[in-house]
Amino acid sequence: MAKCVACHKPLMLHVEPDEEDEDEPTGGSASANTGSYVDDDVQLQCGCHFHWQCLLDSYSMSECPNCGRNLITHTPSGEQQLLCNLKNEGGLQEGLDMLPLLTEESYLKAYPEERRCRAFLEFCGEGDVEAIVDLLNDNDEEEDGGHPDQGTGPNIDALRYQDHIGSMGSGLHVAIQNQRVEVAWLLLILASTLKMDQFPAEVLQAAHDLGIQREDQGEKTDIRSLKDSQGMTAEQRAAAIAGPWREWLQSGRLKPPAS
């Protein structure tokens, strides 16, 4: 059996049992609450195998950290890619381009204070409103003695964070691009000066149920004013997509406030 070339251990990951599972009676079997093992195998084109975390810990952007082979290839359109075969709890993915994931992890090694902001953008794209609310409500763990990689940092506003390794889009750009209407409403409540009477009653009720309320915007930038790397606001992105944003465009609720 192949082993990880970094740590020389089997290509498996131990998964701890859920707390609920630990509380359940085992019927005399101790194995029921000791967790389980899942595949954790990243096979690079050079043939070297790594655990996912072992690869992240030693990755050098273009070369295999074990044998030194250059792993970068190019798509038919000329874009760089780094292909691998990934086998984990989700099954086998052959020919997966890992370059975007590894680029982000390399960036976060240099700027760990942005990790929660990156998670925020991911939740905006997925439409996970509850996860966004939990993240925004969560106090920075490093202030309580937690691991410093877990926080946004005291000077980073997650709501207005822009994607520094991508298109420089904000959470509102991401929500619009992925047609996440609920997330767009949430961001307008929390990070814009759109008048509250412009929000549908059901949106305000949902916000109330989640414990969401707008803070004083003061001198903060209205999220509708943020521009991506192409100089486009969220409103301009919505105009290029149309779809569910037609009524939003007609109502003007995405229009940046006059400066």
Protein backbone atom coordinates (compact mmCIF):
# COMPACT_ATOMS: atom_id res chain seq x y z
CA MET A 1 0.00 0.00 0.00
CA ALA A 2 1.24 3.49 -0.92
CA LYS A 3 2.12 5.79 1.96
CA CYS A 4 2.46 9.52 2.30
CA VAL A 5 5.96 10.47 1.16
CA ALA A 6 6.08 13.27 3.76
CA CYS A 7 5.13 11.48 6.97
CA HIS A 8 5.38 7.85 5.78
CA LYS A 9 2.00 6.96 7.28
CA PRO A 10 -0.92 5.19 5.54
CA LEU A 11 -3.04 7.42 3.30
CA MET A 12 -5.98 7.52 5.69
CA LEU A 13 -7.46 10.18 7.93
CA HIS A 14 -8.89 9.43 11.36
CA VAL A 15 -12.31 11.01 11.88
CA GLU A 16 -13.36 11.57 15.46
CA PRO A 17 -16.90 10.47 16.40
CA ASP A 18 -19.61 13.08 16.84
CA GLU A 19 -20.43 14.03 20.42
CA GLU A 20 -23.88 12.49 19.98
CA ASP A 21 -22.29 9.21 18.89
CA GLU A 22 -20.01 9.24 21.92
CA ASP A 23 -23.02 9.53 24.21
CA GLU A 24 -24.82 6.56 22.66
CA PRO A 25 -24.45 3.15 24.32
CA THR A 26 -22.04 0.90 22.44
CA GLY A 27 -23.67 -2.39 23.30
CA GLY A 28 -20.40 -3.71 24.68
CA SER A 29 -18.33 -2.70 21.64
CA ALA A 30 -15.61 -0.14 22.27
CA SER A 31 -15.10 0.47 18.53
CA ALA A 32 -18.42 2.28 18.11
CA ASN A 33 -17.14 5.51 19.65
CA THR A 34 -13.50 5.48 18.59
CA GLY A 35 -14.13 7.19 15.27
CA SER A 36 -13.42 5.88 11.80
CA TYR A 37 -10.91 6.15 8.95
CA VAL A 38 -11.45 7.66 5.51
CA ASP A 39 -9.22 7.91 2.45
CA ASP A 40 -6.84 10.88 2.38
CA ASP A 41 -4.70 10.47 -0.74
CA VAL A 42 -3.41 13.17 -3.10
CA GLN A 43 -1.53 11.59 -5.99
CA LEU A 44 0.50 14.09 -7.99
CA GLN A 45 1.42 13.63 -11.64
CA CYS A 46 4.94 12.62 -10.65
CA GLY A 47 3.50 9.61 -8.81
CA CYS A 48 4.15 10.88 -5.29
CA HIS A 49 1.35 10.45 -2.75
CA PHE A 50 0.60 12.89 0.09
CA HIS A 51 -1.97 13.41 2.78
CA TRP A 52 -3.83 16.62 1.98
CA GLN A 53 -2.46 18.46 5.02
CA CYS A 54 1.06 17.14 4.48
CA LEU A 55 0.99 18.54 0.94
CA LEU A 56 -0.26 21.92 2.17
CA ASP A 57 2.48 22.02 4.81
CA SER A 58 5.25 21.51 2.24
CA TYR A 59 3.85 22.79 -1.05
CA SER A 60 6.08 25.13 -3.08
CA MET A 61 3.60 26.27 -5.78
CA SER A 62 5.03 24.50 -8.84
CA GLU A 63 7.27 21.58 -7.87
CA CYS A 64 6.63 18.36 -6.01
CA PRO A 65 8.07 18.91 -2.54
CA ASN A 66 9.32 15.31 -2.55
CA CYS A 67 10.92 14.66 -5.96
CA GLY A 68 11.20 18.22 -7.30
CA ARG A 69 9.36 17.57 -10.58
CA ASN A 70 7.62 20.60 -12.10
CA LEU A 71 3.90 19.89 -11.91
CA ILE A 72 2.49 22.87 -13.78
CA THR A 73 0.80 22.14 -17.11
CA HIS A 74 -1.41 24.29 -19.31
CA THR A 75 -4.99 24.12 -20.50
CA PRO A 76 -5.78 24.40 -24.24
CA SER A 77 -6.45 28.11 -23.65
CA GLY A 78 -3.00 28.57 -22.08
CA GLU A 79 -4.00 28.84 -18.41
CA GLN A 80 -1.84 27.16 -15.79
CA GLN A 81 -3.14 24.08 -13.97
CA LEU A 82 -1.85 21.49 -11.53
CA LEU A 83 -3.64 18.18 -11.95
CA CYS A 84 -3.86 15.38 -9.41
CA ASN A 85 -5.97 12.41 -8.42
CA LEU A 86 -7.69 13.13 -5.11
CA LYS A 87 -9.22 10.31 -3.07
CA ASN A 88 -11.07 11.23 0.09
CA GLU A 89 -14.37 10.58 1.85
CA GLY A 90 -16.16 11.85 -1.25
CA GLY A 91 -14.59 9.22 -3.50
CA LEU A 92 -12.01 9.50 -6.28
CA GLN A 93 -11.63 12.66 -8.36
CA GLU A 94 -9.28 12.15 -11.29
CA GLY A 95 -7.63 15.04 -13.10
CA LEU A 96 -8.58 17.60 -10.43
CA ASP A 97 -6.95 21.00 -10.85
CA MET A 98 -5.54 21.81 -7.42
CA LEU A 99 -3.86 25.06 -8.39
CA PRO A 100 -6.67 27.39 -7.18
CA LEU A 101 -6.84 25.60 -3.82
CA LEU A 102 -3.09 25.55 -3.34
CA THR A 103 -2.77 29.18 -4.39
CA GLU A 104 -5.32 30.18 -1.77
CA GLU A 105 -3.63 28.10 0.93
CA SER A 106 -0.25 29.63 0.07
CA TYR A 107 -1.80 33.10 0.34
CA LEU A 108 -3.34 32.27 3.70
CA LYS A 109 0.01 31.06 5.00
CA ALA A 110 1.30 34.57 4.34
CA TYR A 111 -1.89 36.31 5.53
CA PRO A 112 -3.54 34.03 8.10
CA GLU A 113 -5.58 36.93 9.46
CA GLU A 114 -7.71 36.77 6.30
CA ARG A 115 -8.80 33.14 6.74
CA ARG A 116 -12.23 33.97 8.16
CA CYS A 117 -12.75 36.59 5.46
CA ARG A 118 -12.05 33.96 2.82
CA ALA A 119 -14.59 31.70 4.52
CA PHE A 120 -17.06 34.59 4.45
CA LEU A 121 -16.75 34.88 0.65
CA GLU A 122 -17.19 31.12 0.31
CA PHE A 123 -20.40 31.20 2.37
CA CYS A 124 -21.69 34.10 0.24
CA GLY A 125 -21.17 32.01 -2.87
CA GLU A 126 -22.85 28.98 -1.32
CA GLY A 127 -25.82 30.98 -0.07
CA ASP A 128 -25.29 29.82 3.51
CA VAL A 129 -26.95 32.66 5.42
CA GLU A 130 -26.74 30.99 8.82
CA ALA A 131 -23.01 30.33 8.42
CA ILE A 132 -22.47 33.99 7.47
CA VAL A 133 -24.37 35.17 10.54
CA ASP A 134 -22.45 32.77 12.80
CA LEU A 135 -19.13 33.95 11.36
CA LEU A 136 -19.98 37.62 11.80
CA ASN A 137 -21.22 37.07 15.34
CA ASP A 138 -18.21 35.05 16.34
CA ASN A 139 -15.68 37.03 18.37
CA ASP A 140 -12.11 36.91 17.13
CA GLU A 141 -10.68 33.83 18.82
CA GLU A 142 -7.19 35.22 18.99
CA GLU A 143 -8.41 37.88 21.42
CA ASP A 144 -9.45 35.08 23.77
CA GLY A 145 -6.19 33.19 23.43
CA GLY A 146 -7.30 31.12 20.47
CA HIS A 147 -5.24 30.25 17.44
CA PRO A 148 -4.37 33.44 15.52
CA ASP A 149 -5.07 31.81 12.13
CA GLN A 150 -8.77 31.59 12.93
CA GLY A 151 -9.64 35.28 13.16
CA THR A 152 -10.17 38.04 10.65
CA GLY A 153 -7.83 40.27 12.56
CA PRO A 154 -8.91 43.42 14.38
CA ASN A 155 -8.49 45.69 11.34
CA ILE A 156 -10.33 43.60 8.72
CA ASP A 157 -14.00 44.19 8.02
CA ALA A 158 -15.28 40.84 6.73
CA LEU A 159 -18.45 42.43 5.34
CA ARG A 160 -16.42 44.66 3.03
CA TYR A 161 -13.56 42.26 2.38
CA GLN A 162 -12.53 41.93 -1.27
CA ASP A 163 -10.97 38.88 -2.93
CA HIS A 164 -7.28 39.75 -3.16
CA ILE A 165 -6.29 36.58 -5.02
CA GLY A 166 -9.20 36.59 -7.43
CA SER A 167 -11.40 39.24 -8.99
CA MET A 168 -11.34 41.66 -6.01
CA GLY A 169 -15.07 41.04 -5.69
CA SER A 170 -16.88 41.70 -2.43
CA GLY A 171 -19.36 39.37 -0.78
CA LEU A 172 -22.11 41.20 -2.67
CA HIS A 173 -20.33 40.59 -5.98
CA VAL A 174 -20.04 36.91 -5.09
CA ALA A 175 -23.69 36.65 -4.05
CA ILE A 176 -24.85 38.27 -7.28
CA GLN A 177 -22.58 36.16 -9.47
CA ASN A 178 -23.95 32.99 -7.83
CA GLN A 179 -27.54 34.28 -7.76
CA ARG A 180 -27.81 34.11 -3.96
CA VAL A 181 -30.71 36.47 -3.38
CA GLU A 182 -31.02 35.86 0.38
CA VAL A 183 -27.34 36.64 0.90
CA ALA A 184 -27.67 39.85 -1.12
CA TRP A 185 -30.55 40.98 1.11
CA LEU A 186 -28.49 40.17 4.20
CA LEU A 187 -25.50 42.19 2.98
CA LEU A 188 -27.67 45.16 2.12
CA ILE A 189 -29.08 45.13 5.64
CA LEU A 190 -25.68 44.90 7.29
CA ALA A 191 -23.38 46.90 5.02
CA SER A 192 -25.38 49.45 3.05
CA THR A 193 -27.41 52.59 3.65
CA LEU A 194 -30.42 51.35 1.69
CA LYS A 195 -33.47 52.64 3.55
CA MET A 196 -35.16 50.00 5.65
CA ASP A 197 -38.53 50.66 4.05
CA GLN A 198 -37.04 49.30 0.82
CA PHE A 199 -36.78 45.82 2.32
CA PRO A 200 -39.70 43.37 1.96
CA ALA A 201 -41.47 42.50 5.20
CA GLU A 202 -40.47 38.85 4.93
CA VAL A 203 -36.80 39.81 4.64
CA LEU A 204 -36.99 41.99 7.75
CA GLN A 205 -38.79 39.22 9.62
CA ALA A 206 -36.14 36.68 8.63
CA ALA A 207 -33.43 39.10 9.76
CA HIS A 208 -35.21 39.58 13.08
CA ASP A 209 -35.45 35.81 13.57
CA LEU A 210 -31.70 35.53 13.00
CA GLY A 211 -30.96 38.37 15.41
CA ILE A 212 -29.69 40.62 12.63
CA GLN A 213 -29.87 44.38 12.90
CA ARG A 214 -28.09 47.18 11.14
CA GLU A 215 -25.41 49.01 13.04
CA ASP A 216 -24.64 52.69 12.50
CA GLN A 217 -22.86 52.84 9.14
CA GLY A 218 -21.08 56.05 10.11
CA GLU A 219 -18.08 56.55 7.85
CA LYS A 220 -18.11 52.95 6.58
CA THR A 221 -18.11 52.30 2.86
CA ASP A 222 -21.47 51.26 1.45
CA ILE A 223 -20.92 47.76 0.04
CA ARG A 224 -22.68 48.81 -3.15
CA SER A 225 -19.83 51.23 -3.86
CA LEU A 226 -17.08 48.58 -3.89
CA LYS A 227 -15.57 47.76 -7.28
CA ASP A 228 -13.91 44.58 -8.47
CA SER A 229 -10.65 44.33 -10.43
CA GLN A 230 -12.47 45.33 -13.62
CA GLY A 231 -13.86 48.45 -11.99
CA MET A 232 -17.40 47.06 -11.83
CA THR A 233 -19.78 47.52 -8.93
CA ALA A 234 -22.19 44.80 -7.82
CA GLU A 235 -24.94 46.65 -9.68
CA GLN A 236 -22.96 46.45 -12.93
CA ARG A 237 -22.32 42.74 -12.35
CA ALA A 238 -26.04 42.24 -11.81
CA ALA A 239 -26.80 44.05 -15.06
CA ALA A 240 -24.53 41.64 -16.93
CA ILE A 241 -26.38 38.65 -15.45
CA ALA A 242 -29.97 39.95 -15.31
CA GLY A 243 -32.03 36.89 -14.28
CA PRO A 244 -33.24 37.33 -10.69
CA TRP A 245 -31.64 40.78 -10.53
CA ARG A 246 -33.89 42.48 -13.11
CA GLU A 247 -36.32 43.75 -10.49
CA TRP A 248 -33.45 44.80 -8.24
CA LEU A 249 -31.98 46.86 -11.07
CA GLN A 250 -35.32 48.46 -11.86
CA SER A 251 -35.87 49.39 -8.21
CA GLY A 252 -32.37 50.86 -7.90
CA ARG A 253 -31.63 49.04 -4.66
CA LEU A 254 -28.16 48.03 -5.90
CA LYS A 255 -27.25 51.54 -7.02
CA PRO A 256 -24.26 52.94 -5.13
CA PRO A 257 -25.09 56.03 -3.10
CA ALA A 258 -24.05 59.35 -4.54
CA SER A 259 -20.59 60.32 -3.35
